[in-house]
Amino acid sequence: MPIVTCHMSISLDGFVAGPGQSLEQGLGRRGVELHHWHLGEVNDPVDADFAGRIVADKGAFVMGRNMYGPVRGDWGEDQWRGWWGPEPPYHAPVFVLTHHPHDPIEMAGGTTFHFVTEGFDAALARAKQAAGDRDVDIAGGAGTVRQALLAGAVDELTLDVAPVLLGEGERLFEGVGDVRLEQLEVAGSSQVTHIRYGVRGPERA
């Protein structure tokens, strides 16, 4: 049976992005430090395994507009097509939450960005329909993951906990309500600790 997953790199003090996100620093100041474990060449087999899980075998994704790009407000004549170049890593439909309509954008490798103005529930419903019998992943950023947790929509949450203290930025668990985590798997390397949780919330008690 397909499930809804989420996979996030996070600091020891609970941030998934640093402050001051911009075109030059998409993850905010020092935010890239959370992702050293899987950027570039990955030498540790544990890290390679978990890096491969981020987008593998997913039928669709949901993400927030801030994760899609730095553009704010009305799209206007903006031609932004995401952070990932001509062939994003998703290779599946991606449903982007936004307040401003935008035509779908087809990319190389099977990724199409669809822009959803009706809110998180509508985006998740469309993602599940597109995914069929495959899993749906909540790709981020922090605000979208918080919406998913508040809605009781996430079945499994994987956190890659980096030995980094950011001090400020985007907190993952700010105001997510009565979410309870059941530890399913733990593995680690010299750079990060990977923890996979089953998610239990008030709607699943």
N, C-alpha and C. Protein backbone atom coordinates (compact mmCIF):
# COMPACT_ATOMS: atom_id res chain seq x y z
N MET A 1 0.85 -1.20 0.00
CA MET A 1 0.00 0.00 0.00
C MET A 1 0.88 1.24 0.00
N PRO A 2 0.63 2.19 -0.89
CA PRO A 2 1.47 3.38 -0.94
C PRO A 2 1.33 4.22 0.33
N ILE A 3 2.43 4.90 0.69
CA ILE A 3 2.45 5.75 1.87
C ILE A 3 2.94 7.14 1.49
N VAL A 4 2.83 8.07 2.44
CA VAL A 4 3.36 9.42 2.28
C VAL A 4 4.63 9.52 3.13
N THR A 5 5.72 9.89 2.51
CA THR A 5 7.01 9.97 3.19
C THR A 5 7.51 11.41 3.20
N CYS A 6 8.54 11.62 4.01
CA CYS A 6 9.24 12.90 4.03
C CYS A 6 10.67 12.61 4.47
N HIS A 7 11.64 13.27 3.84
CA HIS A 7 13.07 13.00 4.10
C HIS A 7 13.77 14.35 4.15
N MET A 8 14.27 14.72 5.35
CA MET A 8 14.84 16.05 5.55
C MET A 8 16.18 15.97 6.27
N SER A 9 17.13 16.78 5.83
CA SER A 9 18.36 17.00 6.59
C SER A 9 18.09 18.10 7.61
N ILE A 10 18.62 17.91 8.83
CA ILE A 10 18.26 18.81 9.93
C ILE A 10 19.47 19.00 10.84
N SER A 11 19.55 20.18 11.45
CA SER A 11 20.63 20.46 12.40
C SER A 11 20.28 19.88 13.77
N LEU A 12 21.27 19.82 14.65
CA LEU A 12 21.04 19.33 16.00
C LEU A 12 20.04 20.20 16.77
N ASP A 13 19.96 21.48 16.41
CA ASP A 13 19.01 22.35 17.09
C ASP A 13 17.71 22.55 16.31
N GLY A 14 17.44 21.67 15.35
CA GLY A 14 16.11 21.59 14.76
C GLY A 14 15.82 22.43 13.54
N PHE A 15 16.84 22.95 12.88
CA PHE A 15 16.62 23.78 11.69
C PHE A 15 16.91 22.98 10.41
N VAL A 16 16.10 23.22 9.39
CA VAL A 16 16.33 22.57 8.09
C VAL A 16 16.83 23.55 7.04
N ALA A 17 16.91 24.82 7.39
CA ALA A 17 17.52 25.84 6.54
C ALA A 17 18.01 26.96 7.44
N GLY A 18 19.03 27.65 7.00
CA GLY A 18 19.54 28.78 7.76
C GLY A 18 18.77 30.05 7.45
N PRO A 19 19.08 31.14 8.13
CA PRO A 19 18.40 32.42 7.86
C PRO A 19 18.91 33.04 6.57
N GLY A 20 18.12 33.97 6.03
CA GLY A 20 18.56 34.74 4.87
C GLY A 20 18.57 33.97 3.58
N GLN A 21 17.52 33.17 3.33
CA GLN A 21 17.45 32.43 2.07
C GLN A 21 17.35 33.42 0.90
N SER A 22 18.09 33.14 -0.17
CA SER A 22 18.13 34.03 -1.32
C SER A 22 18.56 33.23 -2.54
N LEU A 23 18.63 33.91 -3.67
CA LEU A 23 19.09 33.25 -4.89
C LEU A 23 20.51 32.74 -4.71
N GLU A 24 21.35 33.53 -4.03
CA GLU A 24 22.74 33.14 -3.84
C GLU A 24 22.86 32.06 -2.77
N GLN A 25 21.98 32.06 -1.77
CA GLN A 25 22.02 31.08 -0.69
C GLN A 25 20.63 30.47 -0.52
N GLY A 26 20.34 29.51 -1.39
CA GLY A 26 19.01 28.92 -1.40
C GLY A 26 18.63 28.23 -0.11
N LEU A 27 19.61 27.74 0.64
CA LEU A 27 19.37 27.07 1.91
C LEU A 27 19.64 28.00 3.09
N GLY A 28 19.81 29.29 2.83
CA GLY A 28 20.12 30.24 3.88
C GLY A 28 21.57 30.15 4.31
N ARG A 29 21.96 31.06 5.18
CA ARG A 29 23.34 31.07 5.66
C ARG A 29 23.67 29.78 6.40
N ARG A 30 24.69 29.11 5.96
CA ARG A 30 25.23 27.86 6.52
C ARG A 30 24.30 26.66 6.31
N GLY A 31 23.17 26.86 5.65
CA GLY A 31 22.25 25.75 5.46
C GLY A 31 22.83 24.60 4.67
N VAL A 32 23.76 24.91 3.76
CA VAL A 32 24.37 23.85 2.95
C VAL A 32 25.15 22.86 3.82
N GLU A 33 25.57 23.29 5.02
CA GLU A 33 26.31 22.39 5.90
C GLU A 33 25.48 21.17 6.31
N LEU A 34 24.17 21.29 6.27
CA LEU A 34 23.30 20.16 6.61
C LEU A 34 23.34 19.07 5.55
N HIS A 35 23.84 19.41 4.37
CA HIS A 35 23.75 18.50 3.22
C HIS A 35 25.11 18.02 2.74
N HIS A 36 26.17 18.32 3.48
CA HIS A 36 27.50 17.86 3.05
C HIS A 36 27.55 16.34 2.91
N TRP A 37 26.75 15.64 3.68
CA TRP A 37 26.82 14.17 3.68
C TRP A 37 26.40 13.55 2.35
N HIS A 38 25.63 14.28 1.54
CA HIS A 38 25.20 13.68 0.27
C HIS A 38 25.50 14.54 -0.95
N LEU A 39 26.13 15.70 -0.77
CA LEU A 39 26.51 16.52 -1.92
C LEU A 39 27.86 16.07 -2.46
N GLY A 40 28.00 16.07 -3.77
CA GLY A 40 29.26 15.65 -4.36
C GLY A 40 29.44 14.14 -4.25
N GLU A 41 30.69 13.72 -4.12
CA GLU A 41 30.99 12.29 -4.04
C GLU A 41 30.67 11.76 -2.64
N VAL A 42 29.87 10.69 -2.57
CA VAL A 42 29.50 10.09 -1.29
C VAL A 42 30.32 8.83 -1.11
N ASN A 43 31.16 8.82 -0.09
CA ASN A 43 32.08 7.70 0.12
C ASN A 43 31.57 6.66 1.10
N ASP A 44 30.72 7.05 2.03
CA ASP A 44 30.25 6.11 3.04
C ASP A 44 29.04 5.34 2.50
N PRO A 45 29.04 4.02 2.56
CA PRO A 45 27.92 3.25 2.00
C PRO A 45 26.60 3.51 2.72
N VAL A 46 26.65 3.83 4.01
CA VAL A 46 25.41 4.16 4.72
C VAL A 46 24.82 5.45 4.17
N ASP A 47 25.66 6.47 4.00
CA ASP A 47 25.18 7.73 3.43
C ASP A 47 24.68 7.53 2.00
N ALA A 48 25.37 6.72 1.23
CA ALA A 48 24.94 6.46 -0.15
C ALA A 48 23.56 5.82 -0.18
N ASP A 49 23.32 4.89 0.74
CA ASP A 49 22.02 4.23 0.82
C ASP A 49 20.92 5.24 1.10
N PHE A 50 21.13 6.08 2.11
CA PHE A 50 20.09 7.04 2.47
C PHE A 50 19.94 8.15 1.44
N ALA A 51 21.02 8.54 0.80
CA ALA A 51 20.92 9.52 -0.28
C ALA A 51 20.07 8.98 -1.42
N GLY A 52 20.24 7.69 -1.71
CA GLY A 52 19.45 7.09 -2.78
C GLY A 52 17.97 7.01 -2.46
N ARG A 53 17.63 7.03 -1.18
CA ARG A 53 16.22 6.93 -0.80
C ARG A 53 15.46 8.25 -0.97
N ILE A 54 16.16 9.36 -1.09
CA ILE A 54 15.50 10.67 -1.07
C ILE A 54 14.44 10.77 -2.16
N VAL A 55 14.77 10.36 -3.36
CA VAL A 55 13.80 10.48 -4.46
C VAL A 55 13.48 9.13 -5.10
N ALA A 56 14.09 8.04 -4.66
CA ALA A 56 13.91 6.76 -5.34
C ALA A 56 12.50 6.23 -5.20
N ASP A 57 11.97 5.73 -6.30
CA ASP A 57 10.70 4.98 -6.32
C ASP A 57 9.50 5.81 -5.83
N LYS A 58 9.56 7.11 -5.95
CA LYS A 58 8.42 7.95 -5.58
C LYS A 58 7.58 8.22 -6.82
N GLY A 59 6.27 8.20 -6.63
CA GLY A 59 5.37 8.44 -7.75
C GLY A 59 5.02 9.89 -7.97
N ALA A 60 5.20 10.72 -6.94
CA ALA A 60 4.91 12.15 -7.04
C ALA A 60 5.47 12.83 -5.80
N PHE A 61 5.60 14.16 -5.90
CA PHE A 61 6.15 14.96 -4.81
C PHE A 61 5.27 16.19 -4.58
N VAL A 62 5.29 16.68 -3.32
CA VAL A 62 4.66 17.96 -2.98
C VAL A 62 5.75 18.84 -2.38
N MET A 63 5.84 20.09 -2.85
CA MET A 63 6.81 21.02 -2.27
C MET A 63 6.21 22.42 -2.20
N GLY A 64 6.80 23.24 -1.33
CA GLY A 64 6.40 24.62 -1.23
C GLY A 64 7.08 25.48 -2.28
N ARG A 65 6.52 26.65 -2.48
CA ARG A 65 7.09 27.54 -3.48
C ARG A 65 8.50 27.99 -3.11
N ASN A 66 8.77 28.19 -1.82
CA ASN A 66 10.11 28.60 -1.42
C ASN A 66 11.15 27.55 -1.75
N MET A 67 10.76 26.28 -1.72
CA MET A 67 11.71 25.24 -2.11
C MET A 67 11.89 25.21 -3.62
N TYR A 68 10.83 25.49 -4.35
CA TYR A 68 10.93 25.50 -5.81
C TYR A 68 11.87 26.59 -6.29
N GLY A 69 11.83 27.76 -5.65
CA GLY A 69 12.69 28.84 -6.11
C GLY A 69 12.57 30.09 -5.27
N PRO A 70 13.39 31.10 -5.56
CA PRO A 70 13.43 32.33 -4.76
C PRO A 70 12.41 33.38 -5.18
N VAL A 71 11.62 33.12 -6.20
CA VAL A 71 10.70 34.11 -6.72
C VAL A 71 9.56 34.31 -5.73
N ARG A 72 9.16 35.55 -5.49
CA ARG A 72 8.07 35.86 -4.58
C ARG A 72 7.00 36.66 -5.32
N GLY A 73 5.77 36.61 -4.82
CA GLY A 73 4.69 37.38 -5.42
C GLY A 73 4.25 36.80 -6.75
N ASP A 74 3.63 37.66 -7.56
CA ASP A 74 3.14 37.25 -8.87
C ASP A 74 4.32 36.79 -9.74
N TRP A 75 4.09 35.75 -10.54
CA TRP A 75 5.16 35.22 -11.37
C TRP A 75 5.59 36.22 -12.45
N GLY A 76 4.64 36.99 -12.97
CA GLY A 76 4.96 37.95 -14.02
C GLY A 76 5.61 37.28 -15.21
N GLU A 77 6.69 37.87 -15.67
CA GLU A 77 7.43 37.32 -16.82
C GLU A 77 8.58 36.43 -16.38
N ASP A 78 8.62 36.08 -15.11
CA ASP A 78 9.74 35.30 -14.61
C ASP A 78 9.80 33.94 -15.29
N GLN A 79 11.00 33.53 -15.68
CA GLN A 79 11.21 32.26 -16.38
C GLN A 79 11.90 31.22 -15.50
N TRP A 80 11.86 31.40 -14.19
CA TRP A 80 12.50 30.47 -13.26
C TRP A 80 11.94 29.06 -13.46
N ARG A 81 12.84 28.06 -13.48
CA ARG A 81 12.44 26.68 -13.69
C ARG A 81 13.01 25.74 -12.63
N GLY A 82 13.22 26.29 -11.43
CA GLY A 82 13.70 25.45 -10.34
C GLY A 82 15.21 25.51 -10.18
N TRP A 83 15.67 25.02 -9.01
CA TRP A 83 17.08 25.08 -8.66
C TRP A 83 17.93 24.03 -9.39
N TRP A 84 17.33 23.04 -10.04
CA TRP A 84 18.03 21.80 -10.35
C TRP A 84 18.53 21.68 -11.78
N GLY A 85 18.43 22.73 -12.58
CA GLY A 85 18.90 22.63 -13.95
C GLY A 85 17.85 22.00 -14.86
N PRO A 86 18.22 21.66 -16.10
CA PRO A 86 17.24 21.17 -17.07
C PRO A 86 16.65 19.80 -16.75
N GLU A 87 17.35 19.00 -15.92
CA GLU A 87 16.83 17.68 -15.55
C GLU A 87 16.82 17.54 -14.03
N PRO A 88 15.74 17.93 -13.38
CA PRO A 88 15.65 17.80 -11.92
C PRO A 88 15.70 16.34 -11.50
N PRO A 89 16.03 16.06 -10.24
CA PRO A 89 16.22 14.68 -9.80
C PRO A 89 14.93 13.91 -9.54
N TYR A 90 13.78 14.55 -9.68
CA TYR A 90 12.54 13.92 -9.22
C TYR A 90 12.00 12.86 -10.19
N HIS A 91 12.06 13.12 -11.48
CA HIS A 91 11.61 12.16 -12.50
C HIS A 91 10.18 11.69 -12.23
N ALA A 92 9.34 12.62 -11.81
CA ALA A 92 7.93 12.34 -11.49
C ALA A 92 7.22 13.68 -11.38
N PRO A 93 5.89 13.68 -11.34
CA PRO A 93 5.18 14.95 -11.15
C PRO A 93 5.50 15.58 -9.80
N VAL A 94 5.67 16.90 -9.79
CA VAL A 94 5.92 17.65 -8.57
C VAL A 94 4.84 18.72 -8.45
N PHE A 95 4.14 18.75 -7.32
CA PHE A 95 3.05 19.69 -7.11
C PHE A 95 3.53 20.78 -6.16
N VAL A 96 3.60 22.01 -6.68
CA VAL A 96 4.19 23.14 -5.97
C VAL A 96 3.08 24.01 -5.40
N LEU A 97 3.11 24.25 -4.09
CA LEU A 97 2.13 25.11 -3.44
C LEU A 97 2.45 26.58 -3.74
N THR A 98 1.45 27.33 -4.17
CA THR A 98 1.64 28.74 -4.48
C THR A 98 0.29 29.45 -4.39
N HIS A 99 0.34 30.76 -4.18
CA HIS A 99 -0.88 31.57 -4.22
C HIS A 99 -1.12 32.15 -5.61
N HIS A 100 -0.19 31.92 -6.54
CA HIS A 100 -0.25 32.57 -7.84
C HIS A 100 -0.25 31.52 -8.95
N PRO A 101 -1.27 31.50 -9.80
CA PRO A 101 -1.35 30.49 -10.86
C PRO A 101 -0.14 30.53 -11.79
N HIS A 102 0.19 29.36 -12.31
CA HIS A 102 1.30 29.23 -13.26
C HIS A 102 1.04 27.99 -14.08
N ASP A 103 1.31 28.05 -15.38
CA ASP A 103 1.16 26.88 -16.23
C ASP A 103 2.18 25.81 -15.83
N PRO A 104 1.84 24.52 -16.03
CA PRO A 104 2.81 23.45 -15.74
C PRO A 104 4.09 23.64 -16.54
N ILE A 105 5.19 23.18 -15.96
CA ILE A 105 6.51 23.26 -16.61
C ILE A 105 7.05 21.85 -16.75
N GLU A 106 7.22 21.40 -17.98
CA GLU A 106 7.80 20.08 -18.25
C GLU A 106 9.31 20.20 -18.35
N MET A 107 10.01 19.29 -17.67
CA MET A 107 11.46 19.28 -17.68
C MET A 107 11.95 17.94 -18.24
N ALA A 108 13.23 17.86 -18.51
CA ALA A 108 13.82 16.61 -18.99
C ALA A 108 13.76 15.55 -17.90
N GLY A 109 13.68 14.29 -18.33
CA GLY A 109 13.75 13.18 -17.38
C GLY A 109 12.45 12.81 -16.71
N GLY A 110 11.34 13.40 -17.13
CA GLY A 110 10.04 12.99 -16.58
C GLY A 110 9.49 13.87 -15.48
N THR A 111 10.21 14.92 -15.08
CA THR A 111 9.69 15.84 -14.06
C THR A 111 8.80 16.89 -14.70
N THR A 112 7.59 17.05 -14.17
CA THR A 112 6.73 18.17 -14.54
C THR A 112 6.31 18.88 -13.27
N PHE A 113 6.53 20.19 -13.21
CA PHE A 113 6.10 20.99 -12.08
C PHE A 113 4.67 21.48 -12.33
N HIS A 114 3.77 21.14 -11.41
CA HIS A 114 2.39 21.60 -11.45
C HIS A 114 2.20 22.57 -10.29
N PHE A 115 1.53 23.68 -10.53
CA PHE A 115 1.40 24.73 -9.53
C PHE A 115 -0.03 24.74 -8.99
N VAL A 116 -0.15 24.56 -7.67
CA VAL A 116 -1.44 24.34 -7.02
C VAL A 116 -1.77 25.54 -6.14
N THR A 117 -2.88 26.18 -6.40
CA THR A 117 -3.28 27.37 -5.63
C THR A 117 -4.37 27.08 -4.61
N GLU A 118 -4.84 25.84 -4.54
CA GLU A 118 -5.96 25.51 -3.65
C GLU A 118 -5.53 24.99 -2.28
N GLY A 119 -4.23 24.98 -1.99
CA GLY A 119 -3.77 24.60 -0.66
C GLY A 119 -3.17 23.21 -0.61
N PHE A 120 -2.67 22.86 0.59
CA PHE A 120 -1.94 21.61 0.76
C PHE A 120 -2.81 20.39 0.48
N ASP A 121 -4.02 20.35 1.01
CA ASP A 121 -4.87 19.17 0.83
C ASP A 121 -5.10 18.88 -0.65
N ALA A 122 -5.32 19.92 -1.43
CA ALA A 122 -5.55 19.73 -2.87
C ALA A 122 -4.27 19.23 -3.55
N ALA A 123 -3.13 19.77 -3.16
CA ALA A 123 -1.86 19.32 -3.75
C ALA A 123 -1.60 17.86 -3.42
N LEU A 124 -1.85 17.47 -2.17
CA LEU A 124 -1.62 16.07 -1.79
C LEU A 124 -2.57 15.14 -2.53
N ALA A 125 -3.82 15.53 -2.67
CA ALA A 125 -4.79 14.69 -3.39
C ALA A 125 -4.36 14.50 -4.84
N ARG A 126 -3.90 15.56 -5.47
CA ARG A 126 -3.45 15.45 -6.86
C ARG A 126 -2.19 14.59 -6.95
N ALA A 127 -1.29 14.74 -5.97
CA ALA A 127 -0.07 13.93 -5.97
C ALA A 127 -0.40 12.45 -5.82
N LYS A 128 -1.31 12.12 -4.91
CA LYS A 128 -1.69 10.72 -4.72
C LYS A 128 -2.32 10.14 -5.98
N GLN A 129 -3.15 10.93 -6.64
CA GLN A 129 -3.77 10.46 -7.87
C GLN A 129 -2.72 10.21 -8.94
N ALA A 130 -1.76 11.12 -9.05
CA ALA A 130 -0.71 10.97 -10.06
C ALA A 130 0.21 9.80 -9.75
N ALA A 131 0.44 9.55 -8.45
CA ALA A 131 1.38 8.49 -8.05
C ALA A 131 0.82 7.10 -8.23
N GLY A 132 -0.50 6.96 -8.19
CA GLY A 132 -1.09 5.63 -8.34
C GLY A 132 -0.70 4.73 -7.19
N ASP A 133 -0.04 3.61 -7.48
CA ASP A 133 0.33 2.65 -6.44
C ASP A 133 1.75 2.87 -5.92
N ARG A 134 2.31 4.05 -6.14
CA ARG A 134 3.64 4.39 -5.63
C ARG A 134 3.51 5.44 -4.53
N ASP A 135 4.58 5.58 -3.75
CA ASP A 135 4.56 6.51 -2.62
C ASP A 135 4.61 7.97 -3.10
N VAL A 136 4.09 8.84 -2.24
CA VAL A 136 4.18 10.29 -2.43
C VAL A 136 5.15 10.83 -1.38
N ASP A 137 6.00 11.78 -1.78
CA ASP A 137 6.96 12.36 -0.84
C ASP A 137 6.69 13.85 -0.67
N ILE A 138 6.73 14.30 0.60
CA ILE A 138 6.66 15.72 0.90
C ILE A 138 8.10 16.22 0.88
N ALA A 139 8.46 16.94 -0.18
CA ALA A 139 9.86 17.26 -0.43
C ALA A 139 10.37 18.46 0.36
N GLY A 140 9.49 19.25 0.96
CA GLY A 140 9.91 20.44 1.71
C GLY A 140 9.35 21.69 1.07
N GLY A 141 9.73 22.85 1.55
CA GLY A 141 10.56 23.08 2.70
C GLY A 141 9.82 22.92 4.02
N ALA A 142 10.36 23.61 5.04
CA ALA A 142 9.87 23.43 6.39
C ALA A 142 8.38 23.72 6.53
N GLY A 143 7.91 24.81 5.92
CA GLY A 143 6.50 25.17 6.05
C GLY A 143 5.58 24.12 5.48
N THR A 144 5.96 23.54 4.35
CA THR A 144 5.12 22.51 3.73
C THR A 144 5.12 21.24 4.55
N VAL A 145 6.28 20.87 5.11
CA VAL A 145 6.34 19.70 5.98
C VAL A 145 5.49 19.92 7.23
N ARG A 146 5.53 21.11 7.78
CA ARG A 146 4.70 21.39 8.96
C ARG A 146 3.22 21.25 8.63
N GLN A 147 2.81 21.74 7.47
CA GLN A 147 1.41 21.57 7.04
C GLN A 147 1.05 20.09 6.94
N ALA A 148 1.96 19.30 6.38
CA ALA A 148 1.71 17.87 6.23
C ALA A 148 1.59 17.18 7.58
N LEU A 149 2.45 17.54 8.53
CA LEU A 149 2.39 16.94 9.86
C LEU A 149 1.12 17.36 10.59
N LEU A 150 0.74 18.62 10.48
CA LEU A 150 -0.50 19.09 11.11
C LEU A 150 -1.72 18.39 10.54
N ALA A 151 -1.66 18.06 9.26
CA ALA A 151 -2.78 17.38 8.60
C ALA A 151 -2.80 15.89 8.89
N GLY A 152 -1.78 15.38 9.59
CA GLY A 152 -1.70 13.94 9.83
C GLY A 152 -1.45 13.16 8.57
N ALA A 153 -0.76 13.77 7.60
CA ALA A 153 -0.62 13.16 6.27
C ALA A 153 0.63 12.32 6.12
N VAL A 154 1.62 12.49 6.99
CA VAL A 154 2.91 11.82 6.81
C VAL A 154 2.92 10.47 7.54
N ASP A 155 3.27 9.41 6.82
CA ASP A 155 3.37 8.07 7.41
C ASP A 155 4.78 7.77 7.91
N GLU A 156 5.79 8.19 7.15
CA GLU A 156 7.18 7.96 7.55
C GLU A 156 7.99 9.23 7.35
N LEU A 157 8.82 9.55 8.35
CA LEU A 157 9.68 10.72 8.32
C LEU A 157 11.11 10.27 8.56
N THR A 158 12.00 10.57 7.61
CA THR A 158 13.42 10.28 7.77
C THR A 158 14.16 11.59 8.00
N LEU A 159 14.93 11.65 9.09
CA LEU A 159 15.75 12.81 9.41
C LEU A 159 17.21 12.44 9.29
N ASP A 160 17.97 13.24 8.56
CA ASP A 160 19.42 13.10 8.48
C ASP A 160 19.99 14.19 9.39
N VAL A 161 20.39 13.81 10.60
CA VAL A 161 20.78 14.77 11.63
C VAL A 161 22.27 15.06 11.52
N ALA A 162 22.58 16.29 11.08
CA ALA A 162 23.97 16.69 10.91
C ALA A 162 24.50 17.31 12.21
N PRO A 163 25.77 17.09 12.53
CA PRO A 163 26.35 17.66 13.75
C PRO A 163 26.65 19.14 13.58
N VAL A 164 25.58 19.91 13.37
CA VAL A 164 25.68 21.35 13.09
C VAL A 164 24.68 22.07 13.98
N LEU A 165 25.09 23.22 14.54
CA LEU A 165 24.19 24.09 15.28
C LEU A 165 24.05 25.39 14.50
N LEU A 166 22.85 25.64 13.95
CA LEU A 166 22.62 26.85 13.16
C LEU A 166 22.18 28.04 14.01
N GLY A 167 21.48 27.79 15.09
CA GLY A 167 21.07 28.88 15.98
C GLY A 167 19.84 29.63 15.54
N GLU A 168 19.59 29.70 14.25
CA GLU A 168 18.40 30.37 13.72
C GLU A 168 18.14 29.86 12.31
N GLY A 169 16.95 30.17 11.80
CA GLY A 169 16.58 29.71 10.47
C GLY A 169 15.18 29.16 10.45
N GLU A 170 14.96 28.09 9.67
CA GLU A 170 13.64 27.48 9.51
C GLU A 170 13.54 26.24 10.38
N ARG A 171 12.74 26.31 11.43
CA ARG A 171 12.54 25.16 12.31
C ARG A 171 11.54 24.18 11.69
N LEU A 172 11.82 22.89 11.81
CA LEU A 172 10.93 21.90 11.22
C LEU A 172 9.70 21.64 12.08
N PHE A 173 9.86 21.61 13.40
CA PHE A 173 8.77 21.14 14.27
C PHE A 173 8.06 22.27 15.01
N GLU A 174 8.17 23.49 14.51
CA GLU A 174 7.50 24.62 15.14
C GLU A 174 5.99 24.51 14.94
N GLY A 175 5.23 24.32 16.04
CA GLY A 175 3.78 24.35 15.97
C GLY A 175 3.14 23.22 15.19
N VAL A 176 3.69 22.02 15.28
CA VAL A 176 3.13 20.90 14.50
C VAL A 176 2.10 20.08 15.28
N GLY A 177 1.82 20.48 16.52
CA GLY A 177 0.77 19.78 17.26
C GLY A 177 1.27 18.50 17.90
N ASP A 178 0.35 17.61 18.17
CA ASP A 178 0.64 16.38 18.92
C ASP A 178 1.12 15.29 17.98
N VAL A 179 2.33 15.47 17.46
CA VAL A 179 2.94 14.48 16.58
C VAL A 179 3.84 13.57 17.41
N ARG A 180 3.68 12.27 17.24
CA ARG A 180 4.48 11.29 17.97
C ARG A 180 5.25 10.44 16.98
N LEU A 181 6.51 10.21 17.29
CA LEU A 181 7.40 9.50 16.38
C LEU A 181 7.80 8.15 16.96
N GLU A 182 7.69 7.13 16.14
CA GLU A 182 8.10 5.78 16.52
C GLU A 182 9.37 5.43 15.74
N GLN A 183 10.47 5.23 16.44
CA GLN A 183 11.74 4.97 15.77
C GLN A 183 11.73 3.62 15.08
N LEU A 184 12.01 3.63 13.77
CA LEU A 184 12.00 2.40 12.98
C LEU A 184 13.39 1.94 12.56
N GLU A 185 14.31 2.89 12.41
CA GLU A 185 15.64 2.55 11.87
C GLU A 185 16.62 3.65 12.22
N VAL A 186 17.82 3.27 12.58
CA VAL A 186 18.90 4.23 12.85
C VAL A 186 20.18 3.72 12.18
N ALA A 187 20.88 4.61 11.51
CA ALA A 187 22.17 4.28 10.93
C ALA A 187 22.98 5.56 10.89
N GLY A 188 24.30 5.44 10.87
CA GLY A 188 25.10 6.64 10.92
C GLY A 188 26.43 6.50 10.23
N SER A 189 27.05 7.65 10.01
CA SER A 189 28.39 7.73 9.46
C SER A 189 29.14 8.79 10.25
N SER A 190 30.32 9.13 9.81
CA SER A 190 31.08 10.18 10.49
C SER A 190 30.48 11.56 10.28
N GLN A 191 29.56 11.70 9.31
CA GLN A 191 29.02 13.01 8.96
C GLN A 191 27.60 13.25 9.43
N VAL A 192 26.83 12.18 9.66
CA VAL A 192 25.40 12.37 9.89
C VAL A 192 24.81 11.12 10.53
N THR A 193 23.71 11.31 11.26
CA THR A 193 22.94 10.19 11.80
C THR A 193 21.59 10.16 11.10
N HIS A 194 21.25 9.02 10.51
CA HIS A 194 20.00 8.85 9.79
C HIS A 194 18.99 8.14 10.70
N ILE A 195 17.83 8.73 10.84
CA ILE A 195 16.79 8.13 11.68
C ILE A 195 15.48 8.10 10.89
N ARG A 196 14.91 6.93 10.76
CA ARG A 196 13.61 6.78 10.08
C ARG A 196 12.54 6.52 11.14
N TYR A 197 11.50 7.33 11.10
CA TYR A 197 10.42 7.25 12.08
C TYR A 197 9.09 6.90 11.40
N GLY A 198 8.26 6.15 12.10
CA GLY A 198 6.84 6.12 11.79
C GLY A 198 6.19 7.28 12.50
N VAL A 199 5.25 7.94 11.84
CA VAL A 199 4.63 9.14 12.40
C VAL A 199 3.26 8.80 12.94
N ARG A 200 3.03 9.17 14.18
CA ARG A 200 1.73 8.97 14.82
C ARG A 200 1.23 10.31 15.30
N GLY A 201 0.06 10.69 14.92
CA GLY A 201 -0.53 11.96 15.35
C GLY A 201 -1.88 11.71 15.98
N PRO A 202 -2.56 12.78 16.38
CA PRO A 202 -3.85 12.61 17.04
C PRO A 202 -4.89 11.88 16.20
N GLU A 203 -4.78 12.02 14.86
CA GLU A 203 -5.76 11.37 13.99
C GLU A 203 -5.48 9.87 13.87
N ARG A 204 -4.29 9.42 14.32
CA ARG A 204 -3.93 8.01 14.18
C ARG A 204 -3.74 7.33 15.52
N ALA A 205 -4.10 7.99 16.60
CA ALA A 205 -3.90 7.44 17.94
C ALA A 205 -4.75 6.20 18.12
